Amino acid sequence: MESKIAIQGIKGSFHHQVVLEYYKQDLNIDECLTFEDLAKSLSNGKSKQAVMAIENSIAGSIIPNYALIDKNNFQIIGEYFIPIQQNMMVLEGQNIDDIKEVHSHPMALLQCMDFLQKYPHIKLVEDKDTAETAQRISTQKLLGIAAIASQAAAKMYQLDIIAPSIQTIKNNMTRFVILSKDKLEIPKEEISKASLKFQLNHKRGSLAAMLNVMSDCKLNLTKIQSMPIIETPFKYSFFVDVTFDNYEDYEKAKSIIKIMAEDFKVLGEYKNNPV
């Protein structure tokens, strides 16, 4: 049986779009309505790999997903960026004056807030997935309800787009990571990015010293995200992404960071895929 790729959402979602573009083929998909379900699919072997959104250029980091990757010891083996074009879609024959509610994922609603505020008569309803909402409107023939989703979802579920590209910031990108349960052996010469996690003690300047090590070793810090450690109030883990031209520079930095940091962990080493 062909190996499955787990995604959050269903076919027609942005996660599905990433599968099509990253793998360049329509693979066997395990449709998961939540990121927790996606993590279970990968950890129990139902899926061989998974596609997970990790940050958006408007809404920022999806912090719970960092925790899922860390908790389950998943390996990041790749990344992919896609522009997010949000569209309002309905059953055929309706216009925006007919719409009483618009349903979508909370992040999709947030991304379109300037447009939605022009129509105060429309109630905003948060849902689990953009494409699943479009599918439900189509299969249940729901009148007076719109979805916000991708053009692919409108086409797949035969809905009319009554307001295209309604996201507030037109250059809206989402970064997705490709996950594996096991480490994928990638030739060192192809590795140009790494995702790391570490903790630091409370000494003054400890984070600055860590950043100096990265700079001295010619690493470019492209992302830093702190996350509270639940068991230890006011102590934080740091998740960082670094890019580099030379793997030996990264190895040198990694050996120093191991000594300086607490709970050091490599979440993935992979090829940088710039926007």
Protein backbone atom coordinates (compact mmCIF):
# COMPACT_ATOMS: atom_id res chain seq x y z
CA MET A 1 0.00 0.00 0.00
CA GLU A 2 1.25 3.48 -0.88
CA SER A 3 2.60 5.48 2.05
CA LYS A 4 0.32 8.23 3.32
CA ILE A 5 1.08 11.90 3.90
CA ALA A 6 -0.81 13.39 6.86
CA ILE A 7 -2.26 16.88 6.49
CA GLN A 8 -4.35 19.13 8.71
CA GLY A 9 -7.61 19.51 6.86
CA ILE A 10 -9.02 17.80 3.81
CA LYS A 11 -8.37 17.84 0.08
CA GLY A 12 -8.66 21.38 -1.22
CA SER A 13 -6.99 22.83 1.90
CA PHE A 14 -3.73 24.78 1.83
CA HIS A 15 -1.99 21.78 3.40
CA HIS A 16 -3.15 19.68 0.45
CA GLN A 17 -1.82 22.35 -1.92
CA VAL A 18 1.60 22.01 -0.27
CA VAL A 19 1.55 18.22 -0.82
CA LEU A 20 0.82 18.71 -4.52
CA GLU A 21 3.54 21.33 -4.97
CA TYR A 22 6.25 19.92 -2.66
CA TYR A 23 5.99 16.27 -3.69
CA LYS A 24 4.92 17.19 -7.25
CA GLN A 25 2.27 14.46 -7.26
CA ASP A 26 -1.10 13.70 -5.68
CA LEU A 27 -0.14 11.19 -3.00
CA ASN A 28 -2.30 9.12 -0.68
CA ILE A 29 -3.56 11.62 1.94
CA ASP A 30 -4.54 11.08 5.56
CA GLU A 31 -6.98 13.93 6.24
CA CYS A 32 -6.74 15.06 9.88
CA LEU A 33 -9.10 17.71 11.23
CA THR A 34 -6.69 18.81 13.98
CA PHE A 35 -2.93 19.12 14.35
CA GLU A 36 -3.14 16.69 17.28
CA ASP A 37 -4.71 14.09 14.96
CA LEU A 38 -1.94 14.76 12.45
CA ALA A 39 0.67 14.10 15.15
CA LYS A 40 -1.05 10.82 16.10
CA SER A 41 -1.15 9.72 12.45
CA LEU A 42 2.60 10.24 12.12
CA SER A 43 3.61 8.88 15.53
CA ASN A 44 1.59 5.65 15.21
CA GLY A 45 2.86 4.93 11.70
CA LYS A 46 -0.41 5.48 9.86
CA SER A 47 1.41 8.12 7.82
CA LYS A 48 5.03 8.10 6.71
CA GLN A 49 5.39 11.89 6.58
CA ALA A 50 3.28 14.94 7.43
CA VAL A 51 2.82 18.52 6.29
CA MET A 52 2.28 21.05 9.11
CA ALA A 53 1.83 24.83 9.04
CA ILE A 54 4.28 26.44 11.44
CA GLU A 55 4.08 30.21 10.89
CA ASN A 56 2.23 32.87 8.94
CA SER A 57 3.58 36.24 7.82
CA ILE A 58 0.55 38.01 9.37
CA ALA A 59 -0.51 35.93 12.37
CA GLY A 60 2.98 34.79 13.39
CA SER A 61 4.03 31.45 14.83
CA ILE A 62 1.62 28.61 15.48
CA ILE A 63 3.16 27.97 18.89
CA PRO A 64 1.26 24.73 19.78
CA ASN A 65 2.76 23.12 16.68
CA TYR A 66 6.28 23.72 17.97
CA ALA A 67 5.23 21.85 21.11
CA LEU A 68 3.79 18.95 19.07
CA ILE A 69 7.00 18.58 17.07
CA ASP A 70 9.10 18.66 20.25
CA LYS A 71 6.88 16.37 22.32
CA ASN A 72 6.67 13.69 19.63
CA ASN A 73 10.36 13.94 18.65
CA PHE A 74 9.45 14.51 15.01
CA GLN A 75 12.19 15.46 12.55
CA ILE A 76 11.79 18.43 10.22
CA ILE A 77 13.09 17.17 6.86
CA GLY A 78 11.99 20.08 4.66
CA GLU A 79 10.01 23.31 4.40
CA TYR A 80 7.73 24.99 1.88
CA PHE A 81 6.22 28.47 1.58
CA ILE A 82 2.98 29.26 -0.22
CA PRO A 83 1.11 32.54 -0.73
CA ILE A 84 -2.27 32.45 0.98
CA GLN A 85 -5.12 33.74 -1.17
CA GLN A 86 -8.38 33.71 0.80
CA ASN A 87 -11.70 33.74 -1.07
CA MET A 88 -15.34 33.98 0.04
CA MET A 89 -17.42 31.23 -1.59
CA VAL A 90 -21.08 30.20 -1.56
CA LEU A 91 -23.58 27.91 -3.24
CA GLU A 92 -24.36 29.00 -6.77
CA GLY A 93 -26.80 31.89 -7.26
CA GLN A 94 -26.17 33.83 -4.06
CA ASN A 95 -24.55 37.20 -3.47
CA ILE A 96 -23.02 38.80 -0.42
CA ASP A 97 -26.33 40.36 0.70
CA ASP A 98 -27.76 36.84 1.07
CA ILE A 99 -25.03 35.78 3.49
CA LYS A 100 -25.86 35.63 7.21
CA GLU A 101 -22.78 33.74 8.43
CA VAL A 102 -19.24 33.10 7.23
CA HIS A 103 -17.46 30.00 8.53
CA SER A 104 -13.72 29.31 8.43
CA HIS A 105 -10.61 28.53 10.41
CA PRO A 106 -9.87 31.27 13.00
CA MET A 107 -6.63 32.23 11.26
CA ALA A 108 -8.41 32.61 7.91
CA LEU A 109 -11.01 34.89 9.52
CA LEU A 110 -8.23 36.93 11.14
CA GLN A 111 -6.42 37.30 7.83
CA CYS A 112 -9.59 38.75 6.21
CA MET A 113 -10.80 40.98 9.04
CA ASP A 114 -10.64 44.30 7.18
CA PHE A 115 -12.93 42.94 4.46
CA LEU A 116 -15.32 41.24 6.89
CA GLN A 117 -15.76 44.39 8.99
CA LYS A 118 -17.40 46.04 5.98
CA TYR A 119 -20.31 43.62 6.40
CA PRO A 120 -21.44 43.85 10.04
CA HIS A 121 -24.61 41.85 9.27
CA ILE A 122 -22.48 38.74 8.68
CA LYS A 123 -21.76 36.63 11.77
CA LEU A 124 -18.25 35.17 11.98
CA VAL A 125 -18.14 31.49 12.99
CA GLU A 126 -14.84 29.76 13.74
CA ASP A 127 -14.42 26.28 12.28
CA LYS A 128 -11.73 23.58 12.22
CA ASP A 129 -10.70 23.79 8.59
CA THR A 130 -11.18 26.04 5.56
CA ALA A 131 -11.74 23.31 2.97
CA GLU A 132 -13.92 21.19 5.26
CA THR A 133 -16.24 24.17 5.67
CA ALA A 134 -16.49 24.54 1.89
CA GLN A 135 -17.21 20.83 1.54
CA ARG A 136 -19.99 20.98 4.16
CA ILE A 137 -21.69 23.92 2.44
CA SER A 138 -21.59 21.98 -0.82
CA THR A 139 -22.77 18.58 0.45
CA GLN A 140 -25.47 19.96 2.75
CA LYS A 141 -26.59 22.67 0.28
CA LEU A 142 -26.37 25.35 2.97
CA LEU A 143 -27.88 28.66 1.91
CA GLY A 144 -26.95 31.93 3.60
CA ILE A 145 -23.58 30.59 4.74
CA ALA A 146 -20.24 31.38 3.12
CA ALA A 147 -16.84 29.77 3.52
CA ILE A 148 -13.42 31.39 3.33
CA ALA A 149 -11.03 29.03 1.60
CA SER A 150 -8.74 28.51 -1.38
CA GLN A 151 -9.59 28.61 -5.07
CA ALA A 152 -8.84 24.88 -5.14
CA ALA A 153 -11.56 24.26 -2.53
CA ALA A 154 -14.10 26.30 -4.51
CA LYS A 155 -13.32 24.29 -7.63
CA MET A 156 -13.30 20.93 -5.84
CA TYR A 157 -16.63 21.52 -4.07
CA GLN A 158 -18.29 23.46 -6.91
CA LEU A 159 -18.86 26.73 -5.06
CA ASP A 160 -19.02 30.25 -6.49
CA ILE A 161 -16.37 32.72 -5.37
CA ILE A 162 -18.24 35.97 -4.69
CA ALA A 163 -15.23 37.85 -3.26
CA PRO A 164 -11.75 36.81 -4.41
CA SER A 165 -8.46 37.51 -2.63
CA ILE A 166 -9.99 39.15 0.44
CA GLN A 167 -7.00 38.77 2.79
CA THR A 168 -6.02 42.10 4.34
CA ILE A 169 -2.36 41.88 3.41
CA LYS A 170 -2.04 40.74 -0.18
CA ASN A 171 1.50 39.39 0.23
CA ASN A 172 0.45 36.82 2.84
CA MET A 173 2.72 33.77 3.14
CA THR A 174 2.55 30.65 5.28
CA ARG A 175 5.54 28.45 6.03
CA PHE A 176 4.94 24.71 6.25
CA VAL A 177 7.36 22.08 7.53
CA ILE A 178 7.64 18.52 6.25
CA LEU A 179 7.83 16.08 9.16
CA SER A 180 9.07 12.53 9.57
CA LYS A 181 9.02 10.22 12.58
CA ASP A 182 12.59 9.18 11.82
CA LYS A 183 15.61 11.19 10.78
CA LEU A 184 16.03 11.34 7.02
CA GLU A 185 19.61 10.98 5.89
CA ILE A 186 20.33 14.03 3.74
CA PRO A 187 23.82 14.56 2.26
CA LYS A 188 25.67 17.23 4.24
CA GLU A 189 26.32 19.28 1.11
CA GLU A 190 22.54 19.61 0.64
CA ILE A 191 21.84 20.78 4.21
CA SER A 192 21.68 24.56 4.57
CA LYS A 193 19.15 25.09 7.38
CA ALA A 194 18.55 23.71 10.87
CA SER A 195 15.82 23.96 13.49
CA LEU A 196 17.07 23.81 17.07
CA LYS A 197 15.60 23.90 20.57
CA PHE A 198 17.40 24.79 23.80
CA GLN A 199 16.94 26.19 27.28
CA LEU A 200 19.16 28.73 29.02
CA ASN A 201 19.83 29.49 32.65
CA HIS A 202 18.81 32.83 34.14
CA LYS A 203 22.28 34.36 34.03
CA ARG A 204 22.47 37.87 32.63
CA GLY A 205 23.49 37.87 28.98
CA SER A 206 23.05 34.11 28.40
CA LEU A 207 20.82 34.58 25.33
CA ALA A 208 23.10 37.32 23.94
CA ALA A 209 26.10 34.99 24.34
CA MET A 210 24.25 32.23 22.46
CA LEU A 211 23.37 34.59 19.60
CA ASN A 212 27.00 35.74 19.45
CA VAL A 213 28.13 32.14 18.99
CA MET A 214 25.76 31.76 16.06
CA SER A 215 27.00 34.98 14.52
CA ASP A 216 30.68 34.13 15.06
CA CYS A 217 30.11 30.76 13.36
CA LYS A 218 28.55 32.46 10.33
CA LEU A 219 25.00 31.25 11.03
CA ASN A 220 22.10 33.46 9.97
CA LEU A 221 19.30 33.46 12.54
CA THR A 222 16.02 33.44 10.57
CA LYS A 223 13.63 32.66 13.43
CA ILE A 224 13.59 32.73 17.22
CA GLN A 225 10.53 31.73 19.23
CA SER A 226 10.29 31.44 23.00
CA MET A 227 7.83 29.11 24.71
CA PRO A 228 7.15 28.84 28.44
CA ILE A 229 8.15 25.63 30.20
CA ILE A 230 4.92 24.68 31.96
CA GLU A 231 6.59 22.81 34.82
CA THR A 232 8.96 25.71 35.62
CA PRO A 233 7.25 29.12 35.89
CA PHE A 234 9.00 31.98 34.07
CA LYS A 235 11.53 29.70 32.41
CA TYR A 236 11.50 29.35 28.62
CA SER A 237 12.58 27.11 25.79
CA PHE A 238 13.88 28.75 22.65
CA PHE A 239 13.18 27.43 19.16
CA VAL A 240 15.50 28.83 16.51
CA ASP A 241 16.01 28.40 12.79
CA VAL A 242 19.44 29.08 11.31
CA THR A 243 20.73 29.04 7.76
CA PHE A 244 24.33 28.60 6.67
CA ASP A 245 26.49 28.25 3.58
CA ASN A 246 28.94 25.77 5.04
CA TYR A 247 27.90 22.69 7.04
CA GLU A 248 31.21 22.73 8.93
CA ASP A 249 30.37 26.20 10.31
CA TYR A 250 27.06 24.80 11.57
CA GLU A 251 28.73 21.75 13.13
CA LYS A 252 31.17 24.03 15.00
CA ALA A 253 28.29 26.17 16.30
CA LYS A 254 26.32 23.09 17.30
CA SER A 255 29.20 21.70 19.35
CA ILE A 256 29.51 25.00 21.28
CA ILE A 257 25.74 25.37 21.77
CA LYS A 258 25.60 21.84 23.25
CA ILE A 259 28.00 22.95 25.97
CA MET A 260 26.32 26.31 26.67
CA ALA A 261 22.65 25.29 26.56
CA GLU A 262 20.38 23.12 28.64
CA ASP A 263 18.14 20.49 27.00
CA PHE A 264 19.67 21.05 23.56
CA LYS A 265 17.84 19.30 20.73
CA VAL A 266 18.09 19.25 16.93
CA LEU A 267 14.57 19.31 15.49
CA GLY A 268 15.76 19.02 11.90
CA GLU A 269 18.55 19.59 9.39
CA TYR A 270 17.35 20.17 5.84
CA LYS A 271 17.61 22.21 2.67
CA ASN A 272 16.78 25.90 2.96
CA ASN A 273 13.79 26.71 0.76
CA PRO A 274 13.70 30.53 0.65
CA VAL A 275 10.48 32.45 0.00
